[in-house]
PDB file of N, CA and C in Angstrom:
ATOM      1  N   MET A   1       0.847  -1.184   0.000  1.00  0.00           N
ATOM      2  CA  MET A   1       0.000   0.000   0.000  1.00  0.00           C
ATOM      3  C   MET A   1       0.886   1.237   0.000  1.00  0.00           C
ATOM      4  N   HIS A   2       0.442   2.245  -0.679  1.00  0.00           N
ATOM      5  CA  HIS A   2       1.178   3.503  -0.754  1.00  0.00           C
ATOM      6  C   HIS A   2       1.008   4.303   0.533  1.00  0.00           C
ATOM      7  N   ASP A   3       1.900   5.223   0.730  1.00  0.00           N
ATOM      8  CA  ASP A   3       1.859   6.118   1.889  1.00  0.00           C
ATOM      9  C   ASP A   3       1.255   7.443   1.429  1.00  0.00           C
ATOM     10  N   PHE A   4      -0.015   7.407   1.030  1.00  0.00           N
ATOM     11  CA  PHE A   4      -0.651   8.568   0.429  1.00  0.00           C
ATOM     12  C   PHE A   4      -0.788   9.708   1.415  1.00  0.00           C
ATOM     13  N   GLY A   5      -0.103  10.789   1.116  1.00  0.00           N
ATOM     14  CA  GLY A   5      -0.343  12.023   1.833  1.00  0.00           C
ATOM     15  C   GLY A   5       0.338  12.189   3.161  1.00  0.00           C
ATOM     16  N   ARG A   6       1.051  11.229   3.606  1.00  0.00           N
ATOM     17  CA  ARG A   6       1.670  11.411   4.912  1.00  0.00           C
ATOM     18  C   ARG A   6       2.863  12.352   4.833  1.00  0.00           C
ATOM     19  N   ARG A   7       3.396  12.544   3.627  1.00  0.00           N
ATOM     20  CA  ARG A   7       4.555  13.419   3.509  1.00  0.00           C
ATOM     21  C   ARG A   7       4.380  14.512   2.456  1.00  0.00           C
ATOM     22  N   GLU A   8       3.820  14.177   1.311  1.00  0.00           N
ATOM     23  CA  GLU A   8       3.739  15.141   0.228  1.00  0.00           C
ATOM     24  C   GLU A   8       2.535  16.061   0.417  1.00  0.00           C
ATOM     25  N   PRO A   9       2.772  17.368   0.499  1.00  0.00           N
ATOM     26  CA  PRO A   9       1.662  18.308   0.731  1.00  0.00           C
ATOM     27  C   PRO A   9       0.563  18.241  -0.310  1.00  0.00           C
ATOM     28  N   GLU A  10       0.913  18.024  -1.594  1.00  0.00           N
ATOM     29  CA  GLU A  10      -0.123  18.008  -2.625  1.00  0.00           C
ATOM     30  C   GLU A  10      -1.091  16.844  -2.434  1.00  0.00           C
ATOM     31  N   ARG A  11      -0.616  15.743  -1.900  1.00  0.00           N
ATOM     32  CA  ARG A  11      -1.503  14.613  -1.638  1.00  0.00           C
ATOM     33  C   ARG A  11      -2.189  14.760  -0.290  1.00  0.00           C
ATOM     34  N   ARG A  12      -1.536  15.400   0.621  1.00  0.00           N
ATOM     35  CA  ARG A  12      -2.075  15.556   1.978  1.00  0.00           C
ATOM     36  C   ARG A  12      -3.428  16.262   1.956  1.00  0.00           C
ATOM     37  N   GLU A  13      -3.574  17.261   1.071  1.00  0.00           N
ATOM     38  CA  GLU A  13      -4.829  18.005   1.029  1.00  0.00           C
ATOM     39  C   GLU A  13      -5.980  17.133   0.543  1.00  0.00           C
ATOM     40  N   HIS A  14      -5.728  16.296  -0.451  1.00  0.00           N
ATOM     41  CA  HIS A  14      -6.761  15.368  -0.914  1.00  0.00           C
ATOM     42  C   HIS A  14      -7.140  14.406   0.209  1.00  0.00           C
ATOM     43  N   ARG A  15      -6.160  13.993   0.950  1.00  0.00           N
ATOM     44  CA  ARG A  15      -6.333  13.015   2.019  1.00  0.00           C
ATOM     45  C   ARG A  15      -7.121  13.582   3.196  1.00  0.00           C
ATOM     46  N   GLY A  16      -7.096  14.891   3.358  1.00  0.00           N
ATOM     47  CA  GLY A  16      -7.665  15.537   4.535  1.00  0.00           C
ATOM     48  C   GLY A  16      -9.134  15.283   4.764  1.00  0.00           C
ATOM     49  N   ASP A  17      -9.940  15.320   3.717  1.00  0.00           N
ATOM     50  CA  ASP A  17     -11.375  15.095   3.893  1.00  0.00           C
ATOM     51  C   ASP A  17     -11.653  13.695   4.417  1.00  0.00           C
ATOM     52  N   GLY A  18     -10.976  12.713   3.839  1.00  0.00           N
ATOM     53  CA  GLY A  18     -11.150  11.340   4.317  1.00  0.00           C
ATOM     54  C   GLY A  18     -10.673  11.186   5.747  1.00  0.00           C
ATOM     55  N   HIS A  19      -9.575  11.849   6.055  1.00  0.00           N
ATOM     56  CA  HIS A  19      -9.036  11.781   7.412  1.00  0.00           C
ATOM     57  C   HIS A  19     -10.033  12.353   8.420  1.00  0.00           C
ATOM     58  N   ASN A  20     -10.631  13.480   8.081  1.00  0.00           N
ATOM     59  CA  ASN A  20     -11.637  14.071   8.972  1.00  0.00           C
ATOM     60  C   ASN A  20     -12.812  13.128   9.168  1.00  0.00           C
ATOM     61  N   ALA A  21     -13.243  12.463   8.106  1.00  0.00           N
ATOM     62  CA  ALA A  21     -14.350  11.518   8.214  1.00  0.00           C
ATOM     63  C   ALA A  21     -13.992  10.349   9.129  1.00  0.00           C
ATOM     64  N   VAL A  22     -12.773   9.863   9.015  1.00  0.00           N
ATOM     65  CA  VAL A  22     -12.336   8.747   9.870  1.00  0.00           C
ATOM     66  C   VAL A  22     -12.251   9.199  11.326  1.00  0.00           C
ATOM     67  N   LEU A  23     -11.758  10.397  11.564  1.00  0.00           N
ATOM     68  CA  LEU A  23     -11.705  10.912  12.939  1.00  0.00           C
ATOM     69  C   LEU A  23     -13.105  10.984  13.541  1.00  0.00           C
ATOM     70  N   VAL A  24     -14.043  11.515  12.778  1.00  0.00           N
ATOM     71  CA  VAL A  24     -15.422  11.627  13.262  1.00  0.00           C
ATOM     72  C   VAL A  24     -15.992  10.237  13.542  1.00  0.00           C
ATOM     73  N   ALA A  25     -15.731   9.294  12.650  1.00  0.00           N
ATOM     74  CA  ALA A  25     -16.238   7.934  12.834  1.00  0.00           C
ATOM     75  C   ALA A  25     -15.691   7.287  14.104  1.00  0.00           C
ATOM     76  N   HIS A  26     -14.513   7.717  14.524  1.00  0.00           N
ATOM     77  CA  HIS A  26     -13.896   7.186  15.745  1.00  0.00           C
ATOM     78  C   HIS A  26     -14.112   8.107  16.952  1.00  0.00           C
ATOM     79  N   HIS A  27     -15.010   9.065  16.793  1.00  0.00           N
ATOM     80  CA  HIS A  27     -15.376   9.990  17.879  1.00  0.00           C
ATOM     81  C   HIS A  27     -14.179  10.778  18.408  1.00  0.00           C
ATOM     82  N   ILE A  28     -13.328  11.221  17.481  1.00  0.00           N
ATOM     83  CA  ILE A  28     -12.175  12.051  17.820  1.00  0.00           C
ATOM     84  C   ILE A  28     -12.464  13.458  17.311  1.00  0.00           C
ATOM     85  N   GLY A  29     -12.555  14.407  18.228  1.00  0.00           N
ATOM     86  CA  GLY A  29     -12.788  15.796  17.872  1.00  0.00           C
ATOM     87  C   GLY A  29     -11.518  16.484  17.415  1.00  0.00           C
ATOM     88  N   GLY A  30     -11.658  17.707  16.955  1.00  0.00           N
ATOM     89  CA  GLY A  30     -10.527  18.456  16.416  1.00  0.00           C
ATOM     90  C   GLY A  30      -9.387  18.648  17.390  1.00  0.00           C
ATOM     91  N   THR A  31      -9.701  19.083  18.608  1.00  0.00           N
ATOM     92  CA  THR A  31      -8.632  19.301  19.586  1.00  0.00           C
ATOM     93  C   THR A  31      -8.009  17.975  19.995  1.00  0.00           C
ATOM     94  N   GLU A  32      -8.847  16.948  20.127  1.00  0.00           N
ATOM     95  CA  GLU A  32      -8.315  15.623  20.449  1.00  0.00           C
ATOM     96  C   GLU A  32      -7.357  15.148  19.350  1.00  0.00           C
ATOM     97  N   ALA A  33      -7.723  15.376  18.104  1.00  0.00           N
ATOM     98  CA  ALA A  33      -6.870  14.972  16.984  1.00  0.00           C
ATOM     99  C   ALA A  33      -5.520  15.665  17.059  1.00  0.00           C
ATOM    100  N   HIS A  34      -5.519  16.932  17.421  1.00  0.00           N
ATOM    101  CA  HIS A  34      -4.248  17.659  17.539  1.00  0.00           C
ATOM    102  C   HIS A  34      -3.418  17.152  18.716  1.00  0.00           C
ATOM    103  N   VAL A  35      -4.071  16.807  19.802  1.00  0.00           N
ATOM    104  CA  VAL A  35      -3.340  16.244  20.944  1.00  0.00           C
ATOM    105  C   VAL A  35      -2.717  14.904  20.538  1.00  0.00           C
ATOM    106  N   LEU A  36      -3.475  14.071  19.831  1.00  0.00           N
ATOM    107  CA  LEU A  36      -2.930  12.796  19.378  1.00  0.00           C
ATOM    108  C   LEU A  36      -1.767  13.003  18.413  1.00  0.00           C
ATOM    109  N   MET A  37      -1.871  13.997  17.546  1.00  0.00           N
ATOM    110  CA  MET A  37      -0.766  14.302  16.629  1.00  0.00           C
ATOM    111  C   MET A  37       0.469  14.736  17.412  1.00  0.00           C
ATOM    112  N   ALA A  38       0.262  15.562  18.413  1.00  0.00           N
ATOM    113  CA  ALA A  38       1.388  15.997  19.240  1.00  0.00           C
ATOM    114  C   ALA A  38       2.080  14.794  19.870  1.00  0.00           C
ATOM    115  N   LEU A  39       1.287  13.890  20.428  1.00  0.00           N
ATOM    116  CA  LEU A  39       1.866  12.696  21.053  1.00  0.00           C
ATOM    117  C   LEU A  39       2.634  11.867  20.039  1.00  0.00           C
ATOM    118  N   LYS A  40       2.071  11.729  18.842  1.00  0.00           N
ATOM    119  CA  LYS A  40       2.760  10.973  17.786  1.00  0.00           C
ATOM    120  C   LYS A  40       4.115  11.601  17.470  1.00  0.00           C
ATOM    121  N   MET A  41       4.182  12.920  17.558  1.00  0.00           N
ATOM    122  CA  MET A  41       5.422  13.637  17.275  1.00  0.00           C
ATOM    123  C   MET A  41       6.358  13.689  18.481  1.00  0.00           C
ATOM    124  N   GLY A  42       5.931  13.084  19.599  1.00  0.00           N
ATOM    125  CA  GLY A  42       6.756  13.071  20.794  1.00  0.00           C
ATOM    126  C   GLY A  42       6.669  14.347  21.611  1.00  0.00           C
ATOM    127  N   LEU A  43       5.606  15.122  21.401  1.00  0.00           N
ATOM    128  CA  LEU A  43       5.434  16.392  22.106  1.00  0.00           C
ATOM    129  C   LEU A  43       4.280  16.308  23.092  1.00  0.00           C
ATOM    130  N   ARG A  44       4.361  17.080  24.122  1.00  0.00           N
ATOM    131  CA  ARG A  44       3.224  17.263  25.013  1.00  0.00           C
ATOM    132  C   ARG A  44       2.278  18.260  24.339  1.00  0.00           C
ATOM    133  N   ALA A  45       0.999  18.109  24.585  1.00  0.00           N
ATOM    134  CA  ALA A  45      -0.004  18.953  23.927  1.00  0.00           C
ATOM    135  C   ALA A  45       0.285  20.432  24.121  1.00  0.00           C
ATOM    136  N   GLU A  46       0.699  20.815  25.311  1.00  0.00           N
ATOM    137  CA  GLU A  46       0.924  22.234  25.590  1.00  0.00           C
ATOM    138  C   GLU A  46       2.105  22.816  24.810  1.00  0.00           C
ATOM    139  N   LYS A  47       2.897  21.940  24.182  1.00  0.00           N
ATOM    140  CA  LYS A  47       4.037  22.399  23.367  1.00  0.00           C
ATOM    141  C   LYS A  47       3.733  22.369  21.871  1.00  0.00           C
ATOM    142  N   PHE A  48       2.582  21.818  21.503  1.00  0.00           N
ATOM    143  CA  PHE A  48       2.234  21.647  20.097  1.00  0.00           C
ATOM    144  C   PHE A  48       1.610  22.927  19.559  1.00  0.00           C
ATOM    145  N   GLY A  49       2.148  23.430  18.480  1.00  0.00           N
ATOM    146  CA  GLY A  49       1.749  24.725  17.937  1.00  0.00           C
ATOM    147  C   GLY A  49       0.277  24.902  17.627  1.00  0.00           C
ATOM    148  N   ARG A  50      -0.416  23.830  17.286  1.00  0.00           N
ATOM    149  CA  ARG A  50      -1.819  23.964  16.905  1.00  0.00           C
ATOM    150  C   ARG A  50      -2.754  24.104  18.096  1.00  0.00           C
ATOM    151  N   VAL A  51      -2.296  23.732  19.286  1.00  0.00           N
ATOM    152  CA  VAL A  51      -3.180  23.814  20.458  1.00  0.00           C
ATOM    153  C   VAL A  51      -2.521  24.476  21.669  1.00  0.00           C
ATOM    154  N   HIS A  52      -1.269  24.861  21.543  1.00  0.00           N
ATOM    155  CA  HIS A  52      -0.562  25.419  22.703  1.00  0.00           C
ATOM    156  C   HIS A  52      -1.197  26.705  23.223  1.00  0.00           C
ATOM    157  N   HIS A  53      -1.965  27.376  22.384  1.00  0.00           N
ATOM    158  CA  HIS A  53      -2.594  28.640  22.761  1.00  0.00           C
ATOM    159  C   HIS A  53      -3.856  28.446  23.601  1.00  0.00           C
ATOM    160  N   LEU A  54      -4.361  27.238  23.660  1.00  0.00           N
ATOM    161  CA  LEU A  54      -5.597  26.993  24.411  1.00  0.00           C
ATOM    162  C   LEU A  54      -5.368  27.167  25.907  1.00  0.00           C
ATOM    163  N   PRO A  55      -6.390  27.557  26.629  1.00  0.00           N
ATOM    164  CA  PRO A  55      -6.237  27.663  28.083  1.00  0.00           C
ATOM    165  C   PRO A  55      -5.808  26.319  28.667  1.00  0.00           C
ATOM    166  N   PRO A  56      -4.877  26.332  29.601  1.00  0.00           N
ATOM    167  CA  PRO A  56      -4.376  25.076  30.174  1.00  0.00           C
ATOM    168  C   PRO A  56      -5.481  24.155  30.692  1.00  0.00           C
ATOM    169  N   ALA A  57      -6.522  24.728  31.291  1.00  0.00           N
ATOM    170  CA  ALA A  57      -7.614  23.897  31.812  1.00  0.00           C
ATOM    171  C   ALA A  57      -8.337  23.174  30.666  1.00  0.00           C
ATOM    172  N   ARG A  58      -8.523  23.854  29.540  1.00  0.00           N
ATOM    173  CA  ARG A  58      -9.187  23.242  28.372  1.00  0.00           C
ATOM    174  C   ARG A  58      -8.343  22.101  27.827  1.00  0.00           C
ATOM    175  N   LEU A  59      -7.055  22.334  27.681  1.00  0.00           N
ATOM    176  CA  LEU A  59      -6.159  21.309  27.162  1.00  0.00           C
ATOM    177  C   LEU A  59      -6.087  20.121  28.115  1.00  0.00           C
ATOM    178  N   ALA A  60      -6.035  20.394  29.403  1.00  0.00           N
ATOM    179  CA  ALA A  60      -6.010  19.323  30.401  1.00  0.00           C
ATOM    180  C   ALA A  60      -7.287  18.493  30.333  1.00  0.00           C
ATOM    181  N   ALA A  61      -8.417  19.144  30.107  1.00  0.00           N
ATOM    182  CA  ALA A  61      -9.689  18.428  30.004  1.00  0.00           C
ATOM    183  C   ALA A  61      -9.695  17.500  28.786  1.00  0.00           C
ATOM    184  N   VAL A  62      -9.123  17.943  27.686  1.00  0.00           N
ATOM    185  CA  VAL A  62      -9.048  17.109  26.487  1.00  0.00           C
ATOM    186  C   VAL A  62      -8.167  15.896  26.755  1.00  0.00           C
ATOM    187  N   VAL A  63      -7.010  16.112  27.359  1.00  0.00           N
ATOM    188  CA  VAL A  63      -6.114  15.004  27.686  1.00  0.00           C
ATOM    189  C   VAL A  63      -6.786  14.062  28.685  1.00  0.00           C
ATOM    190  N   ASP A  64      -7.481  14.619  29.665  1.00  0.00           N
ATOM    191  CA  ASP A  64      -8.207  13.782  30.630  1.00  0.00           C
ATOM    192  C   ASP A  64      -9.265  12.934  29.934  1.00  0.00           C
ATOM    193  N   GLY A  65      -9.944  13.504  28.956  1.00  0.00           N
ATOM    194  CA  GLY A  65     -10.943  12.748  28.198  1.00  0.00           C
ATOM    195  C   GLY A  65     -10.318  11.599  27.427  1.00  0.00           C
ATOM    196  N   LEU A  66      -9.156  11.851  26.829  1.00  0.00           N
ATOM    197  CA  LEU A  66      -8.443  10.790  26.125  1.00  0.00           C
ATOM    198  C   LEU A  66      -7.967   9.721  27.108  1.00  0.00           C
ATOM    199  N   ARG A  67      -7.567  10.157  28.291  1.00  0.00           N
ATOM    200  CA  ARG A  67      -7.147   9.221  29.344  1.00  0.00           C
ATOM    201  C   ARG A  67      -8.332   8.358  29.781  1.00  0.00           C
ATOM    202  N   ALA A  68      -9.486   8.977  29.956  1.00  0.00           N
ATOM    203  CA  ALA A  68     -10.684   8.240  30.372  1.00  0.00           C
ATOM    204  C   ALA A  68     -11.090   7.204  29.319  1.00  0.00           C
ATOM    205  N   ARG A  69     -10.778   7.474  28.070  1.00  0.00           N
ATOM    206  CA  ARG A  69     -11.090   6.525  26.989  1.00  0.00           C
ATOM    207  C   ARG A  69     -10.008   5.467  26.830  1.00  0.00           C
ATOM    208  N   GLY A  70      -8.957   5.542  27.641  1.00  0.00           N
ATOM    209  CA  GLY A  70      -7.895   4.547  27.589  1.00  0.00           C
ATOM    210  C   GLY A  70      -6.897   4.754  26.475  1.00  0.00           C
ATOM    211  N   LEU A  71      -6.852   5.970  25.919  1.00  0.00           N
ATOM    212  CA  LEU A  71      -5.948   6.255  24.803  1.00  0.00           C
ATOM    213  C   LEU A  71      -4.636   6.885  25.254  1.00  0.00           C
ATOM    214  N   VAL A  72      -4.661   7.491  26.434  1.00  0.00           N
ATOM    215  CA  VAL A  72      -3.493   8.175  26.994  1.00  0.00           C
ATOM    216  C   VAL A  72      -3.321   7.679  28.423  1.00  0.00           C
ATOM    217  N   ASN A  73      -2.081   7.469  28.832  1.00  0.00           N
ATOM    218  CA  ASN A  73      -1.839   6.992  30.195  1.00  0.00           C
ATOM    219  C   ASN A  73      -1.671   8.154  31.176  1.00  0.00           C
ATOM    220  N   ALA A  74      -1.426   7.824  32.415  1.00  0.00           N
ATOM    221  CA  ALA A  74      -1.313   8.841  33.465  1.00  0.00           C
ATOM    222  C   ALA A  74      -0.167   9.817  33.209  1.00  0.00           C
ATOM    223  N   ALA A  75       0.871   9.367  32.525  1.00  0.00           N
ATOM    224  CA  ALA A  75       2.014  10.233  32.222  1.00  0.00           C
ATOM    225  C   ALA A  75       1.760  11.118  31.005  1.00  0.00           C
ATOM    226  N   GLY A  76       0.609  10.914  30.351  1.00  0.00           N
ATOM    227  CA  GLY A  76       0.291  11.733  29.185  1.00  0.00           C
ATOM    228  C   GLY A  76       0.822  11.185  27.882  1.00  0.00           C
ATOM    229  N   ASP A  77       1.213   9.909  27.873  1.00  0.00           N
ATOM    230  CA  ASP A  77       1.709   9.262  26.658  1.00  0.00           C
ATOM    231  C   ASP A  77       0.647   8.313  26.109  1.00  0.00           C
ATOM    232  N   PHE A  78       0.842   7.870  24.868  1.00  0.00           N
ATOM    233  CA  PHE A  78      -0.064   6.890  24.286  1.00  0.00           C
ATOM    234  C   PHE A  78      -0.079   5.606  25.102  1.00  0.00           C
ATOM    235  N   THR A  79      -1.252   5.016  25.219  1.00  0.00           N
ATOM    236  CA  THR A  79      -1.361   3.639  25.657  1.00  0.00           C
ATOM    237  C   THR A  79      -1.266   2.781  24.396  1.00  0.00           C
ATOM    238  N   ASP A  80      -1.201   1.473  24.559  1.00  0.00           N
ATOM    239  CA  ASP A  80      -1.221   0.601  23.383  1.00  0.00           C
ATOM    240  C   ASP A  80      -2.501   0.831  22.589  1.00  0.00           C
ATOM    241  N   ALA A  81      -3.628   0.982  23.285  1.00  0.00           N
ATOM    242  CA  ALA A  81      -4.904   1.230  22.608  1.00  0.00           C
ATOM    243  C   ALA A  81      -4.866   2.547  21.845  1.00  0.00           C
ATOM    244  N   GLY A  82      -4.236   3.555  22.416  1.00  0.00           N
ATOM    245  CA  GLY A  82      -4.115   4.849  21.746  1.00  0.00           C
ATOM    246  C   GLY A  82      -3.269   4.757  20.494  1.00  0.00           C
ATOM    247  N   ARG A  83      -2.147   4.033  20.582  1.00  0.00           N
ATOM    248  CA  ARG A  83      -1.298   3.841  19.404  1.00  0.00           C
ATOM    249  C   ARG A  83      -2.038   3.045  18.333  1.00  0.00           C
ATOM    250  N   ASP A  84      -2.749   2.012  18.772  1.00  0.00           N
ATOM    251  CA  ASP A  84      -3.510   1.195  17.817  1.00  0.00           C
ATOM    252  C   ASP A  84      -4.580   2.024  17.116  1.00  0.00           C
ATOM    253  N   LEU A  85      -5.290   2.852  17.870  1.00  0.00           N
ATOM    254  CA  LEU A  85      -6.323   3.700  17.267  1.00  0.00           C
ATOM    255  C   LEU A  85      -5.701   4.668  16.277  1.00  0.00           C
ATOM    256  N   ARG A  86      -4.614   5.292  16.655  1.00  0.00           N
ATOM    257  CA  ARG A  86      -3.940   6.247  15.771  1.00  0.00           C
ATOM    258  C   ARG A  86      -3.533   5.567  14.468  1.00  0.00           C
ATOM    259  N   GLU A  87      -2.981   4.366  14.566  1.00  0.00           N
ATOM    260  CA  GLU A  87      -2.572   3.639  13.365  1.00  0.00           C
ATOM    261  C   GLU A  87      -3.782   3.222  12.527  1.00  0.00           C
ATOM    262  N   ARG A  88      -4.856   2.807  13.166  1.00  0.00           N
ATOM    263  CA  ARG A  88      -6.082   2.431  12.450  1.00  0.00           C
ATOM    264  C   ARG A  88      -6.642   3.631  11.690  1.00  0.00           C
ATOM    265  N   ILE A  89      -6.628   4.788  12.330  1.00  0.00           N
ATOM    266  CA  ILE A  89      -7.106   6.010  11.669  1.00  0.00           C
ATOM    267  C   ILE A  89      -6.258   6.310  10.437  1.00  0.00           C
ATOM    268  N   GLU A  90      -4.948   6.184  10.547  1.00  0.00           N
ATOM    269  CA  GLU A  90      -4.061   6.448   9.410  1.00  0.00           C
ATOM    270  C   GLU A  90      -4.268   5.421   8.302  1.00  0.00           C
ATOM    271  N   THR A  91      -4.438   4.158   8.666  1.00  0.00           N
ATOM    272  CA  THR A  91      -4.630   3.109   7.669  1.00  0.00           C
ATOM    273  C   THR A  91      -5.928   3.308   6.892  1.00  0.00           C
ATOM    274  N   VAL A  92      -7.013   3.566   7.591  1.00  0.00           N
ATOM    275  CA  VAL A  92      -8.299   3.771   6.912  1.00  0.00           C
ATOM    276  C   VAL A  92      -8.247   5.041   6.060  1.00  0.00           C
ATOM    277  N   THR A  93      -7.590   6.071   6.558  1.00  0.00           N
ATOM    278  CA  THR A  93      -7.445   7.297   5.768  1.00  0.00           C
ATOM    279  C   THR A  93      -6.692   7.009   4.471  1.00  0.00           C
ATOM    280  N   ASP A  94      -5.609   6.239   4.557  1.00  0.00           N
ATOM    281  CA  ASP A  94      -4.867   5.866   3.350  1.00  0.00           C
ATOM    282  C   ASP A  94      -5.745   5.077   2.380  1.00  0.00           C
ATOM    283  N   GLU A  95      -6.545   4.157   2.926  1.00  0.00           N
ATOM    284  CA  GLU A  95      -7.428   3.356   2.075  1.00  0.00           C
ATOM    285  C   GLU A  95      -8.455   4.230   1.358  1.00  0.00           C
ATOM    286  N   LEU A  96      -8.965   5.240   2.030  1.00  0.00           N
ATOM    287  CA  LEU A  96      -9.926   6.146   1.404  1.00  0.00           C
ATOM    288  C   LEU A  96      -9.274   7.000   0.312  1.00  0.00           C
ATOM    289  N   ALA A  97      -8.019   7.348   0.489  1.00  0.00           N
ATOM    290  CA  ALA A  97      -7.319   8.200  -0.476  1.00  0.00           C
ATOM    291  C   ALA A  97      -6.826   7.421  -1.692  1.00  0.00           C
ATOM    292  N   ALA A  98      -6.588   6.137  -1.525  1.00  0.00           N
ATOM    293  CA  ALA A  98      -5.938   5.342  -2.569  1.00  0.00           C
ATOM    294  C   ALA A  98      -6.649   5.331  -3.923  1.00  0.00           C
ATOM    295  N   PRO A  99      -7.971   5.179  -4.006  1.00  0.00           N
ATOM    296  CA  PRO A  99      -8.598   5.064  -5.334  1.00  0.00           C
ATOM    297  C   PRO A  99      -8.314   6.225  -6.278  1.00  0.00           C
ATOM    298  N   ALA A 100      -8.144   7.397  -5.761  1.00  0.00           N
ATOM    299  CA  ALA A 100      -7.877   8.553  -6.619  1.00  0.00           C
ATOM    300  C   ALA A 100      -6.542   8.430  -7.344  1.00  0.00           C
ATOM    301  N   TYR A 101      -5.634   7.655  -6.783  1.00  0.00           N
ATOM    302  CA  TYR A 101      -4.310   7.507  -7.377  1.00  0.00           C
ATOM    303  C   TYR A 101      -4.120   6.172  -8.070  1.00  0.00           C
ATOM    304  N   GLU A 102      -4.883   5.167  -7.675  1.00  0.00           N
ATOM    305  CA  GLU A 102      -4.722   3.832  -8.244  1.00  0.00           C
ATOM    306  C   GLU A 102      -5.114   3.767  -9.715  1.00  0.00           C
ATOM    307  N   VAL A 103      -5.919   4.691 -10.182  1.00  0.00           N
ATOM    308  CA  VAL A 103      -6.325   4.705 -11.590  1.00  0.00           C
ATOM    309  C   VAL A 103      -5.231   5.281 -12.487  1.00  0.00           C
ATOM    310  N   LEU A 104      -4.211   5.861 -11.901  1.00  0.00           N
ATOM    311  CA  LEU A 104      -3.120   6.469 -12.667  1.00  0.00           C
ATOM    312  C   LEU A 104      -1.975   5.484 -12.849  1.00  0.00           C
ATOM    313  N   SER A 105      -1.355   5.540 -14.020  1.00  0.00           N
ATOM    314  CA  SER A 105      -0.129   4.770 -14.226  1.00  0.00           C
ATOM    315  C   SER A 105       0.985   5.461 -13.448  1.00  0.00           C
ATOM    316  N   ALA A 106       2.111   4.792 -13.331  1.00  0.00           N
ATOM    317  CA  ALA A 106       3.257   5.388 -12.632  1.00  0.00           C
ATOM    318  C   ALA A 106       3.682   6.692 -13.306  1.00  0.00           C
ATOM    319  N   ASP A 107       3.680   6.703 -14.644  1.00  0.00           N
ATOM    320  CA  ASP A 107       4.050   7.928 -15.366  1.00  0.00           C
ATOM    321  C   ASP A 107       3.041   9.045 -15.125  1.00  0.00           C
ATOM    322  N   GLU A 108       1.756   8.705 -15.112  1.00  0.00           N
ATOM    323  CA  GLU A 108       0.727   9.715 -14.865  1.00  0.00           C
ATOM    324  C   GLU A 108       0.831  10.266 -13.444  1.00  0.00           C
ATOM    325  N   LEU A 109       1.129   9.400 -12.503  1.00  0.00           N
ATOM    326  CA  LEU A 109       1.291   9.848 -11.121  1.00  0.00           C
ATOM    327  C   LEU A 109       2.490  10.784 -11.005  1.00  0.00           C
ATOM    328  N   ASP A 110       3.587  10.411 -11.647  1.00  0.00           N
ATOM    329  CA  ASP A 110       4.760  11.296 -11.643  1.00  0.00           C
ATOM    330  C   ASP A 110       4.434  12.640 -12.284  1.00  0.00           C
ATOM    331  N   GLU A 111       3.680  12.620 -13.384  1.00  0.00           N
ATOM    332  CA  GLU A 111       3.294  13.863 -14.056  1.00  0.00           C
ATOM    333  C   GLU A 111       2.414  14.720 -13.148  1.00  0.00           C
ATOM    334  N   LEU A 112       1.491  14.091 -12.436  1.00  0.00           N
ATOM    335  CA  LEU A 112       0.622  14.819 -11.513  1.00  0.00           C
ATOM    336  C   LEU A 112       1.457  15.487 -10.423  1.00  0.00           C
ATOM    337  N   ILE A 113       2.347  14.742  -9.841  1.00  0.00           N
ATOM    338  CA  ILE A 113       3.183  15.287  -8.763  1.00  0.00           C
ATOM    339  C   ILE A 113       4.034  16.434  -9.286  1.00  0.00           C
ATOM    340  N   THR A 114       4.633  16.242 -10.445  1.00  0.00           N
ATOM    341  CA  THR A 114       5.459  17.303 -11.040  1.00  0.00           C
ATOM    342  C   THR A 114       4.620  18.545 -11.317  1.00  0.00           C
ATOM    343  N   GLY A 115       3.415  18.345 -11.813  1.00  0.00           N
ATOM    344  CA  GLY A 115       2.533  19.481 -12.089  1.00  0.00           C
ATOM    345  C   GLY A 115       2.084  20.212 -10.836  1.00  0.00           C
ATOM    346  N   LEU A 116       1.989  19.498  -9.746  1.00  0.00           N
ATOM    347  CA  LEU A 116       1.544  20.115  -8.492  1.00  0.00           C
ATOM    348  C   LEU A 116       2.685  20.738  -7.693  1.00  0.00           C
ATOM    349  N   ASP A 117       3.916  20.392  -8.013  1.00  0.00           N
ATOM    350  CA  ASP A 117       5.061  20.933  -7.269  1.00  0.00           C
ATOM    351  C   ASP A 117       5.073  22.461  -7.181  1.00  0.00           C
ATOM    352  N   PRO A 118       4.829  23.201  -8.287  1.00  0.00           N
ATOM    353  CA  PRO A 118       4.836  24.675  -8.175  1.00  0.00           C
ATOM    354  C   PRO A 118       3.735  25.187  -7.247  1.00  0.00           C
ATOM    355  N   ILE A 119       2.588  24.538  -7.270  1.00  0.00           N
ATOM    356  CA  ILE A 119       1.495  24.948  -6.388  1.00  0.00           C
ATOM    357  C   ILE A 119       1.874  24.694  -4.934  1.00  0.00           C
ATOM    358  N   THR A 120       2.442  23.521  -4.690  1.00  0.00           N
ATOM    359  CA  THR A 120       2.884  23.170  -3.348  1.00  0.00           C
ATOM    360  C   THR A 120       3.922  24.169  -2.851  1.00  0.00           C
ATOM    361  N   ALA A 121       4.874  24.484  -3.716  1.00  0.00           N
ATOM    362  CA  ALA A 121       5.924  25.445  -3.335  1.00  0.00           C
ATOM    363  C   ALA A 121       5.334  26.800  -2.989  1.00  0.00           C
ATOM    364  N   ALA A 122       4.351  27.229  -3.779  1.00  0.00           N
ATOM    365  CA  ALA A 122       3.737  28.537  -3.525  1.00  0.00           C
ATOM    366  C   ALA A 122       2.953  28.532  -2.203  1.00  0.00           C
ATOM    367  N   LEU A 123       2.303  27.415  -1.915  1.00  0.00           N
ATOM    368  CA  LEU A 123       1.498  27.339  -0.693  1.00  0.00           C
ATOM    369  C   LEU A 123       2.328  27.194   0.564  1.00  0.00           C
ATOM    370  N   THR A 124       3.506  26.616   0.440  1.00  0.00           N
ATOM    371  CA  THR A 124       4.338  26.384   1.618  1.00  0.00           C
ATOM    372  C   THR A 124       5.407  27.442   1.825  1.00  0.00           C
ATOM    373  N   SER A 125       5.469  28.414   0.918  1.00  0.00           N
ATOM    374  CA  SER A 125       6.501  29.453   1.086  1.00  0.00           C
ATOM    375  C   SER A 125       5.988  30.630   1.891  1.00  0.00           C
TER     376      SER A 125
END
């Protein structure tokens, strides 16, 4: 299976809608998703740029909610269940994104990526 969108920005945007749907299906809200991303990156939520601005009590409540669901342990790290859920979310997201690319030949996929590179560069600069 391809690693659709986990690294390339041009694919990441296509992947985003499916990812949001998978998060909702697993009852993961926006702030919870950012906390899980922070943990995946080895950061504490309060250090993660997307949520560090939230009031500490709000962020603590989100982490407590994840802890109550068995996804985060007392130290604020992933539990095995939390890691498994995170991986399941990524796998299903990849599966949802795959059909858009599977219809392309390798040359067509390379052409698409090359064509999107200037757009990606403009958006990330």
